[in-house]
């Protein structure tokens, strides 16, 4: 009421008084909403009522790289530092 008496317009009152007070509510509401969504998706998946396996619901999967074997057939492991150290 005092802003209106000074001569502030309705948009100015909204942006100066209502918007800053509502930002805190929205900022705290969004993370709880996202975590609730993730919890409900995982609960339904655990119970077997989730999305089909071919549907990616957390975004696209990263590309798979072929893994190189640690040891190929017929090769010996590299010497360790303990076996190559000389003890005097």
PDB file of N, CA and C in Angstrom:
ATOM      1  N   UNK A   1       0.822  -1.189   0.000  1.00  0.00           N
ATOM      2  CA  UNK A   1       0.000   0.000   0.000  1.00  0.00           C
ATOM      3  C   UNK A   1       0.869   1.257   0.000  1.00  0.00           C
ATOM      4  N   UNK A   2       2.012   1.213   0.713  1.00  0.00           N
ATOM      5  CA  UNK A   2       2.850   2.415   0.753  1.00  0.00           C
ATOM      6  C   UNK A   2       3.521   2.661  -0.599  1.00  0.00           C
ATOM      7  N   UNK A   3       3.834   1.616  -1.344  1.00  0.00           N
ATOM      8  CA  UNK A   3       4.413   1.796  -2.678  1.00  0.00           C
ATOM      9  C   UNK A   3       3.409   2.439  -3.617  1.00  0.00           C
ATOM     10  N   UNK A   4       2.162   2.058  -3.472  1.00  0.00           N
ATOM     11  CA  UNK A   4       1.111   2.632  -4.314  1.00  0.00           C
ATOM     12  C   UNK A   4       0.920   4.111  -3.990  1.00  0.00           C
ATOM     13  N   UNK A   5       1.055   4.478  -2.710  1.00  0.00           N
ATOM     14  CA  UNK A   5       0.903   5.875  -2.309  1.00  0.00           C
ATOM     15  C   UNK A   5       2.030   6.724  -2.894  1.00  0.00           C
ATOM     16  N   UNK A   6       3.241   6.173  -2.941  1.00  0.00           N
ATOM     17  CA  UNK A   6       4.382   6.897  -3.490  1.00  0.00           C
ATOM     18  C   UNK A   6       4.205   7.096  -4.996  1.00  0.00           C
ATOM     19  N   UNK A   7       3.435   6.222  -5.636  1.00  0.00           N
ATOM     20  CA  UNK A   7       3.181   6.369  -7.062  1.00  0.00           C
ATOM     21  C   UNK A   7       3.778   5.259  -7.900  1.00  0.00           C
ATOM     22  N   UNK A   8       4.148   4.149  -7.290  1.00  0.00           N
ATOM     23  CA  UNK A   8       4.716   3.028  -8.045  1.00  0.00           C
ATOM     24  C   UNK A   8       3.633   2.334  -8.857  1.00  0.00           C
ATOM     25  N   UNK A   9       3.986   1.926 -10.067  1.00  0.00           N
ATOM     26  CA  UNK A   9       3.023   1.231 -10.919  1.00  0.00           C
ATOM     27  C   UNK A   9       2.926  -0.236 -10.503  1.00  0.00           C
ATOM     28  N   UNK A  10       1.922  -0.904 -11.027  1.00  0.00           N
ATOM     29  CA  UNK A  10       1.710  -2.316 -10.685  1.00  0.00           C
ATOM     30  C   UNK A  10       2.889  -3.194 -11.111  1.00  0.00           C
ATOM     31  N   UNK A  11       3.439  -3.048 -12.337  1.00  0.00           N
ATOM     32  CA  UNK A  11       4.605  -3.876 -12.693  1.00  0.00           C
ATOM     33  C   UNK A  11       5.809  -3.622 -11.773  1.00  0.00           C
ATOM     34  N   UNK A  12       6.016  -2.385 -11.369  1.00  0.00           N
ATOM     35  CA  UNK A  12       7.142  -2.086 -10.468  1.00  0.00           C
ATOM     36  C   UNK A  12       6.944  -2.752  -9.115  1.00  0.00           C
ATOM     37  N   UNK A  13       5.724  -2.734  -8.614  1.00  0.00           N
ATOM     38  CA  UNK A  13       5.443  -3.399  -7.337  1.00  0.00           C
ATOM     39  C   UNK A  13       5.682  -4.899  -7.462  1.00  0.00           C
ATOM     40  N   UNK A  14       5.252  -5.481  -8.581  1.00  0.00           N
ATOM     41  CA  UNK A  14       5.451  -6.919  -8.784  1.00  0.00           C
ATOM     42  C   UNK A  14       6.930  -7.267  -8.836  1.00  0.00           C
ATOM     43  N   UNK A  15       7.725  -6.501  -9.595  1.00  0.00           N
ATOM     44  CA  UNK A  15       9.138  -6.824  -9.757  1.00  0.00           C
ATOM     45  C   UNK A  15       9.975  -6.477  -8.535  1.00  0.00           C
ATOM     46  N   UNK A  16       9.590  -5.506  -7.773  1.00  0.00           N
ATOM     47  CA  UNK A  16      10.393  -5.087  -6.616  1.00  0.00           C
ATOM     48  C   UNK A  16      10.022  -5.827  -5.331  1.00  0.00           C
ATOM     49  N   UNK A  17       8.771  -6.291  -5.207  1.00  0.00           N
ATOM     50  CA  UNK A  17       8.325  -6.865  -3.943  1.00  0.00           C
ATOM     51  C   UNK A  17       7.923  -8.330  -4.049  1.00  0.00           C
ATOM     52  N   UNK A  18       7.126  -8.670  -5.031  1.00  0.00           N
ATOM     53  CA  UNK A  18       6.638 -10.046  -5.129  1.00  0.00           C
ATOM     54  C   UNK A  18       7.662 -10.993  -5.747  1.00  0.00           C
ATOM     55  N   UNK A  19       8.341 -10.570  -6.789  1.00  0.00           N
ATOM     56  CA  UNK A  19       9.282 -11.462  -7.476  1.00  0.00           C
ATOM     57  C   UNK A  19      10.448 -11.895  -6.577  1.00  0.00           C
ATOM     58  N   UNK A  20      11.125 -11.007  -5.855  1.00  0.00           N
ATOM     59  CA  UNK A  20      12.221 -11.469  -4.986  1.00  0.00           C
ATOM     60  C   UNK A  20      11.758 -12.423  -3.885  1.00  0.00           C
ATOM     61  N   UNK A  21      10.557 -12.246  -3.391  1.00  0.00           N
ATOM     62  CA  UNK A  21      10.065 -13.132  -2.338  1.00  0.00           C
ATOM     63  C   UNK A  21       9.628 -14.487  -2.880  1.00  0.00           C
ATOM     64  N   UNK A  22       9.253 -14.553  -4.135  1.00  0.00           N
ATOM     65  CA  UNK A  22       8.831 -15.834  -4.695  1.00  0.00           C
ATOM     66  C   UNK A  22      10.002 -16.630  -5.269  1.00  0.00           C
ATOM     67  N   UNK A  23      11.136 -15.993  -5.533  1.00  0.00           N
ATOM     68  CA  UNK A  23      12.291 -16.710  -6.089  1.00  0.00           C
ATOM     69  C   UNK A  23      12.807 -17.753  -5.105  1.00  0.00           C
ATOM     70  N   UNK A  24      12.846 -17.425  -3.820  1.00  0.00           N
ATOM     71  CA  UNK A  24      13.330 -18.379  -2.820  1.00  0.00           C
ATOM     72  C   UNK A  24      12.449 -19.624  -2.781  1.00  0.00           C
ATOM     73  N   UNK A  25      11.171 -19.451  -2.927  1.00  0.00           N
ATOM     74  CA  UNK A  25      10.254 -20.594  -2.916  1.00  0.00           C
ATOM     75  C   UNK A  25      10.486 -21.472  -4.138  1.00  0.00           C
ATOM     76  N   UNK A  26      10.643 -20.859  -5.293  1.00  0.00           N
ATOM     77  CA  UNK A  26      10.847 -21.619  -6.530  1.00  0.00           C
ATOM     78  C   UNK A  26      12.193 -22.329  -6.515  1.00  0.00           C
ATOM     79  N   UNK A  27      13.221 -21.659  -6.008  1.00  0.00           N
ATOM     80  CA  UNK A  27      14.565 -22.257  -5.978  1.00  0.00           C
ATOM     81  C   UNK A  27      14.596 -23.474  -5.059  1.00  0.00           C
ATOM     82  N   UNK A  28      13.839 -23.460  -3.984  1.00  0.00           N
ATOM     83  CA  UNK A  28      13.810 -24.635  -3.110  1.00  0.00           C
ATOM     84  C   UNK A  28      12.833 -25.698  -3.600  1.00  0.00           C
ATOM     85  N   UNK A  29      11.838 -25.315  -4.373  1.00  0.00           N
ATOM     86  CA  UNK A  29      10.851 -26.280  -4.851  1.00  0.00           C
ATOM     87  C   UNK A  29      11.390 -27.137  -5.989  1.00  0.00           C
ATOM     88  N   UNK A  30      12.181 -26.565  -6.883  1.00  0.00           N
ATOM     89  CA  UNK A  30      12.655 -27.294  -8.064  1.00  0.00           C
ATOM     90  C   UNK A  30      13.537 -28.498  -7.696  1.00  0.00           C
ATOM     91  N   UNK A  31      14.544 -28.374  -6.817  1.00  0.00           N
ATOM     92  CA  UNK A  31      15.336 -29.579  -6.501  1.00  0.00           C
ATOM     93  C   UNK A  31      14.521 -30.696  -5.852  1.00  0.00           C
ATOM     94  N   UNK A  32      13.558 -30.331  -5.002  1.00  0.00           N
ATOM     95  CA  UNK A  32      12.723 -31.366  -4.397  1.00  0.00           C
ATOM     96  C   UNK A  32      11.821 -32.023  -5.435  1.00  0.00           C
ATOM     97  N   UNK A  33      11.371 -31.282  -6.404  1.00  0.00           N
ATOM     98  CA  UNK A  33      10.551 -31.857  -7.470  1.00  0.00           C
ATOM     99  C   UNK A  33      11.363 -32.820  -8.324  1.00  0.00           C
ATOM    100  N   UNK A  34      12.585 -32.431  -8.662  1.00  0.00           N
ATOM    101  CA  UNK A  34      13.449 -33.294  -9.480  1.00  0.00           C
ATOM    102  C   UNK A  34      13.810 -34.557  -8.714  1.00  0.00           C
ATOM    103  N   UNK A  35      14.147 -34.423  -7.431  1.00  0.00           N
ATOM    104  CA  UNK A  35      14.498 -35.615  -6.656  1.00  0.00           C
ATOM    105  C   UNK A  35      13.288 -36.528  -6.484  1.00  0.00           C
ATOM    106  N   UNK A  36      12.105 -35.966  -6.347  1.00  0.00           N
ATOM    107  CA  UNK A  36      10.898 -36.792  -6.266  1.00  0.00           C
ATOM    108  C   UNK A  36      10.634 -37.533  -7.560  1.00  0.00           C
ATOM    109  N   UNK A  37      10.907 -36.872  -8.678  1.00  0.00           N
ATOM    110  CA  UNK A  37      10.736 -37.517  -9.972  1.00  0.00           C
ATOM    111  C   UNK A  37      11.714 -38.676 -10.141  1.00  0.00           C
ATOM    112  N   UNK A  38      12.956 -38.467  -9.772  1.00  0.00           N
ATOM    113  CA  UNK A  38      13.968 -39.528  -9.876  1.00  0.00           C
ATOM    114  C   UNK A  38      13.607 -40.685  -8.955  1.00  0.00           C
ATOM    115  N   UNK A  39      13.170 -40.380  -7.740  1.00  0.00           N
ATOM    116  CA  UNK A  39      12.789 -41.432  -6.796  1.00  0.00           C
ATOM    117  C   UNK A  39      11.602 -42.233  -7.310  1.00  0.00           C
ATOM    118  N   UNK A  40      10.619 -41.566  -7.893  1.00  0.00           N
ATOM    119  CA  UNK A  40       9.465 -42.302  -8.410  1.00  0.00           C
ATOM    120  C   UNK A  40       9.837 -43.159  -9.618  1.00  0.00           C
ATOM    121  N   UNK A  41      10.713 -42.649 -10.497  1.00  0.00           N
ATOM    122  CA  UNK A  41      11.145 -43.459 -11.652  1.00  0.00           C
ATOM    123  C   UNK A  41      11.917 -44.691 -11.203  1.00  0.00           C
ATOM    124  N   UNK A  42      12.827 -44.517 -10.258  1.00  0.00           N
ATOM    125  CA  UNK A  42      13.613 -45.671  -9.804  1.00  0.00           C
ATOM    126  C   UNK A  42      12.755 -46.661  -9.038  1.00  0.00           C
ATOM    127  N   UNK A  43      11.783 -46.168  -8.275  1.00  0.00           N
ATOM    128  CA  UNK A  43      10.890 -47.086  -7.552  1.00  0.00           C
ATOM    129  C   UNK A  43      10.057 -47.913  -8.521  1.00  0.00           C
ATOM    130  N   UNK A  44       9.522 -47.261  -9.537  1.00  0.00           N
ATOM    131  CA  UNK A  44       8.736 -48.005 -10.523  1.00  0.00           C
ATOM    132  C   UNK A  44       9.603 -48.988 -11.303  1.00  0.00           C
ATOM    133  N   UNK A  45      10.843 -48.596 -11.623  1.00  0.00           N
ATOM    134  CA  UNK A  45      11.738 -49.526 -12.311  1.00  0.00           C
ATOM    135  C   UNK A  45      12.050 -50.731 -11.435  1.00  0.00           C
ATOM    136  N   UNK A  46      12.255 -50.501 -10.153  1.00  0.00           N
ATOM    137  CA  UNK A  46      12.566 -51.603  -9.238  1.00  0.00           C
ATOM    138  C   UNK A  46      11.393 -52.576  -9.138  1.00  0.00           C
ATOM    139  N   UNK A  47      10.197 -52.048  -9.145  1.00  0.00           N
ATOM    140  CA  UNK A  47       9.014 -52.901  -9.047  1.00  0.00           C
ATOM    141  C   UNK A  47       8.637 -53.550 -10.373  1.00  0.00           C
ATOM    142  N   UNK A  48       9.268 -53.136 -11.457  1.00  0.00           N
ATOM    143  CA  UNK A  48       8.990 -53.732 -12.753  1.00  0.00           C
ATOM    144  C   UNK A  48       7.946 -53.003 -13.563  1.00  0.00           C
ATOM    145  N   UNK A  49       7.540 -51.815 -13.124  1.00  0.00           N
ATOM    146  CA  UNK A  49       6.524 -51.054 -13.836  1.00  0.00           C
ATOM    147  C   UNK A  49       7.102 -49.836 -14.538  1.00  0.00           C
ATOM    148  N   UNK A  50       8.392 -49.809 -14.752  1.00  0.00           N
ATOM    149  CA  UNK A  50       9.039 -48.648 -15.349  1.00  0.00           C
ATOM    150  C   UNK A  50       8.926 -48.629 -16.856  1.00  0.00           C
ATOM    151  N   UNK A  51       9.722 -47.782 -17.436  1.00  0.00           N
ATOM    152  CA  UNK A  51       9.752 -47.662 -18.887  1.00  0.00           C
ATOM    153  C   UNK A  51      10.417 -48.889 -19.499  1.00  0.00           C
ATOM    154  N   UNK A  52      10.122 -49.186 -20.762  1.00  0.00           N
ATOM    155  CA  UNK A  52      10.781 -50.322 -21.415  1.00  0.00           C
ATOM    156  C   UNK A  52      12.290 -50.095 -21.513  1.00  0.00           C
ATOM    157  N   UNK A  53      13.083 -51.157 -21.596  1.00  0.00           N
ATOM    158  CA  UNK A  53      14.539 -51.007 -21.598  1.00  0.00           C
ATOM    159  C   UNK A  53      15.082 -50.215 -22.780  1.00  0.00           C
ATOM    160  N   UNK A  54      14.371 -50.219 -23.917  1.00  0.00           N
ATOM    161  CA  UNK A  54      14.900 -49.499 -25.075  1.00  0.00           C
ATOM    162  C   UNK A  54      14.713 -47.988 -24.958  1.00  0.00           C
ATOM    163  N   UNK A  55      13.932 -47.519 -23.987  1.00  0.00           N
ATOM    164  CA  UNK A  55      13.711 -46.081 -23.788  1.00  0.00           C
ATOM    165  C   UNK A  55      14.747 -45.559 -22.801  1.00  0.00           C
ATOM    166  N   UNK A  56      15.502 -44.557 -23.224  1.00  0.00           N
ATOM    167  CA  UNK A  56      16.478 -43.921 -22.338  1.00  0.00           C
ATOM    168  C   UNK A  56      15.776 -42.785 -21.618  1.00  0.00           C
ATOM    169  N   UNK A  57      15.590 -42.894 -20.312  1.00  0.00           N
ATOM    170  CA  UNK A  57      14.883 -41.855 -19.598  1.00  0.00           C
ATOM    171  C   UNK A  57      15.811 -40.926 -18.826  1.00  0.00           C
ATOM    172  N   UNK A  58      17.100 -41.131 -18.885  1.00  0.00           N
ATOM    173  CA  UNK A  58      18.055 -40.208 -18.276  1.00  0.00           C
ATOM    174  C   UNK A  58      18.943 -39.572 -19.328  1.00  0.00           C
ATOM    175  N   UNK A  59      18.507 -39.551 -20.560  1.00  0.00           N
ATOM    176  CA  UNK A  59      19.284 -38.941 -21.625  1.00  0.00           C
ATOM    177  C   UNK A  59      20.027 -39.997 -22.423  1.00  0.00           C
ATOM    178  N   UNK A  60      20.720 -39.552 -23.446  1.00  0.00           N
ATOM    179  CA  UNK A  60      21.436 -40.519 -24.286  1.00  0.00           C
ATOM    180  C   UNK A  60      22.635 -41.103 -23.551  1.00  0.00           C
ATOM    181  N   UNK A  61      22.889 -42.353 -23.818  1.00  0.00           N
ATOM    182  CA  UNK A  61      24.031 -43.014 -23.200  1.00  0.00           C
ATOM    183  C   UNK A  61      25.313 -42.560 -23.895  1.00  0.00           C
ATOM    184  N   UNK A  62      26.396 -42.481 -23.151  1.00  0.00           N
ATOM    185  CA  UNK A  62      27.657 -42.123 -23.802  1.00  0.00           C
ATOM    186  C   UNK A  62      28.100 -43.234 -24.745  1.00  0.00           C
ATOM    187  N   UNK A  63      28.840 -42.908 -25.786  1.00  0.00           N
ATOM    188  CA  UNK A  63      29.264 -43.960 -26.722  1.00  0.00           C
ATOM    189  C   UNK A  63      30.199 -44.950 -26.030  1.00  0.00           C
ATOM    190  N   UNK A  64      30.038 -46.200 -26.377  1.00  0.00           N
ATOM    191  CA  UNK A  64      30.876 -47.238 -25.771  1.00  0.00           C
ATOM    192  C   UNK A  64      32.183 -47.360 -26.537  1.00  0.00           C
ATOM    193  N   UNK A  65      33.266 -47.415 -25.802  1.00  0.00           N
ATOM    194  CA  UNK A  65      34.573 -47.630 -26.407  1.00  0.00           C
ATOM    195  C   UNK A  65      34.945 -49.095 -26.246  1.00  0.00           C
ATOM    196  N   UNK A  66      35.558 -49.690 -27.244  1.00  0.00           N
ATOM    197  CA  UNK A  66      35.990 -51.078 -27.072  1.00  0.00           C
ATOM    198  C   UNK A  66      37.112 -51.146 -26.053  1.00  0.00           C
ATOM    199  N   UNK A  67      37.031 -52.112 -25.177  1.00  0.00           N
ATOM    200  CA  UNK A  67      38.060 -52.274 -24.147  1.00  0.00           C
ATOM    201  C   UNK A  67      39.199 -53.126 -24.668  1.00  0.00           C
ATOM    202  N   UNK A  68      40.409 -52.688 -24.385  1.00  0.00           N
ATOM    203  CA  UNK A  68      41.564 -53.494 -24.754  1.00  0.00           C
ATOM    204  C   UNK A  68      41.824 -54.484 -23.619  1.00  0.00           C
ATOM    205  N   UNK A  69      42.148 -55.725 -23.951  1.00  0.00           N
ATOM    206  CA  UNK A  69      42.431 -56.695 -22.886  1.00  0.00           C
ATOM    207  C   UNK A  69      43.703 -56.305 -22.140  1.00  0.00           C
ATOM    208  N   UNK A  70      43.718 -56.605 -20.857  1.00  0.00           N
ATOM    209  CA  UNK A  70      44.906 -56.303 -20.061  1.00  0.00           C
ATOM    210  C   UNK A  70      46.092 -57.144 -20.503  1.00  0.00           C
ATOM    211  N   UNK A  71      45.845 -58.410 -20.751  1.00  0.00           N
ATOM    212  CA  UNK A  71      46.898 -59.311 -21.237  1.00  0.00           C
ATOM    213  C   UNK A  71      46.365 -60.053 -22.445  1.00  0.00           C
ATOM    214  N   UNK A  72      47.126 -60.039 -23.515  1.00  0.00           N
ATOM    215  CA  UNK A  72      46.714 -60.835 -24.666  1.00  0.00           C
ATOM    216  C   UNK A  72      47.277 -62.238 -24.507  1.00  0.00           C
ATOM    217  N   UNK A  73      46.750 -63.164 -25.272  1.00  0.00           N
ATOM    218  CA  UNK A  73      47.196 -64.559 -25.149  1.00  0.00           C
ATOM    219  C   UNK A  73      48.660 -64.692 -25.561  1.00  0.00           C
ATOM    220  N   UNK A  74      49.405 -65.401 -24.760  1.00  0.00           N
ATOM    221  CA  UNK A  74      50.796 -65.667 -25.072  1.00  0.00           C
ATOM    222  C   UNK A  74      51.762 -64.599 -24.583  1.00  0.00           C
ATOM    223  N   UNK A  75      51.285 -63.536 -23.993  1.00  0.00           N
ATOM    224  CA  UNK A  75      52.220 -62.519 -23.501  1.00  0.00           C
ATOM    225  C   UNK A  75      52.345 -62.634 -21.993  1.00  0.00           C
ATOM    226  N   UNK A  76      53.458 -62.209 -21.497  1.00  0.00           N
ATOM    227  CA  UNK A  76      53.684 -62.256 -20.058  1.00  0.00           C
ATOM    228  C   UNK A  76      53.447 -60.866 -19.475  1.00  0.00           C
ATOM    229  N   UNK A  77      53.119 -60.802 -18.209  1.00  0.00           N
ATOM    230  CA  UNK A  77      52.877 -59.495 -17.595  1.00  0.00           C
ATOM    231  C   UNK A  77      54.163 -58.688 -17.500  1.00  0.00           C
ATOM    232  N   UNK A  78      54.083 -57.377 -17.476  1.00  0.00           N
ATOM    233  CA  UNK A  78      55.294 -56.557 -17.348  1.00  0.00           C
ATOM    234  C   UNK A  78      55.941 -56.798 -15.986  1.00  0.00           C
ATOM    235  N   UNK A  79      57.240 -56.657 -15.912  1.00  0.00           N
ATOM    236  CA  UNK A  79      57.910 -56.903 -14.635  1.00  0.00           C
ATOM    237  C   UNK A  79      57.494 -55.856 -13.612  1.00  0.00           C
ATOM    238  N   UNK A  80      57.305 -56.301 -12.385  1.00  0.00           N
ATOM    239  CA  UNK A  80      56.915 -55.362 -11.327  1.00  0.00           C
ATOM    240  C   UNK A  80      58.194 -54.761 -10.735  1.00  0.00           C
ATOM    241  N   UNK A  81      58.026 -53.669 -10.023  1.00  0.00           N
ATOM    242  CA  UNK A  81      59.188 -53.008  -9.433  1.00  0.00           C
ATOM    243  C   UNK A  81      59.797 -53.838  -8.321  1.00  0.00           C
ATOM    244  N   UNK A  82      59.006 -54.678  -7.669  1.00  0.00           N
ATOM    245  CA  UNK A  82      59.529 -55.491  -6.566  1.00  0.00           C
ATOM    246  C   UNK A  82      60.455 -56.592  -7.094  1.00  0.00           C
ATOM    247  N   UNK A  83      60.146 -57.177  -8.258  1.00  0.00           N
ATOM    248  CA  UNK A  83      60.969 -58.270  -8.764  1.00  0.00           C
ATOM    249  C   UNK A  83      62.220 -57.741  -9.458  1.00  0.00           C
ATOM    250  N   UNK A  84      62.198 -56.506  -9.935  1.00  0.00           N
ATOM    251  CA  UNK A  84      63.374 -55.988 -10.621  1.00  0.00           C
ATOM    252  C   UNK A  84      64.313 -55.234  -9.691  1.00  0.00           C
ATOM    253  N   UNK A  85      63.894 -55.007  -8.473  1.00  0.00           N
ATOM    254  CA  UNK A  85      64.762 -54.285  -7.535  1.00  0.00           C
ATOM    255  C   UNK A  85      65.816 -55.236  -6.991  1.00  0.00           C
ATOM    256  N   UNK A  86      67.013 -54.743  -6.862  1.00  0.00           N
ATOM    257  CA  UNK A  86      68.090 -55.571  -6.304  1.00  0.00           C
ATOM    258  C   UNK A  86      68.245 -55.235  -4.821  1.00  0.00           C
ATOM    259  N   UNK A  87      68.280 -56.268  -4.024  1.00  0.00           N
ATOM    260  CA  UNK A  87      68.426 -56.090  -2.588  1.00  0.00           C
ATOM    261  C   UNK A  87      69.864 -56.373  -2.179  1.00  0.00           C
ATOM    262  N   UNK A  88      70.459 -55.457  -1.516  1.00  0.00           N
ATOM    263  CA  UNK A  88      71.856 -55.627  -1.091  1.00  0.00           C
ATOM    264  C   UNK A  88      71.965 -55.952   0.355  1.00  0.00           C
TER     265      UNK A  88
END
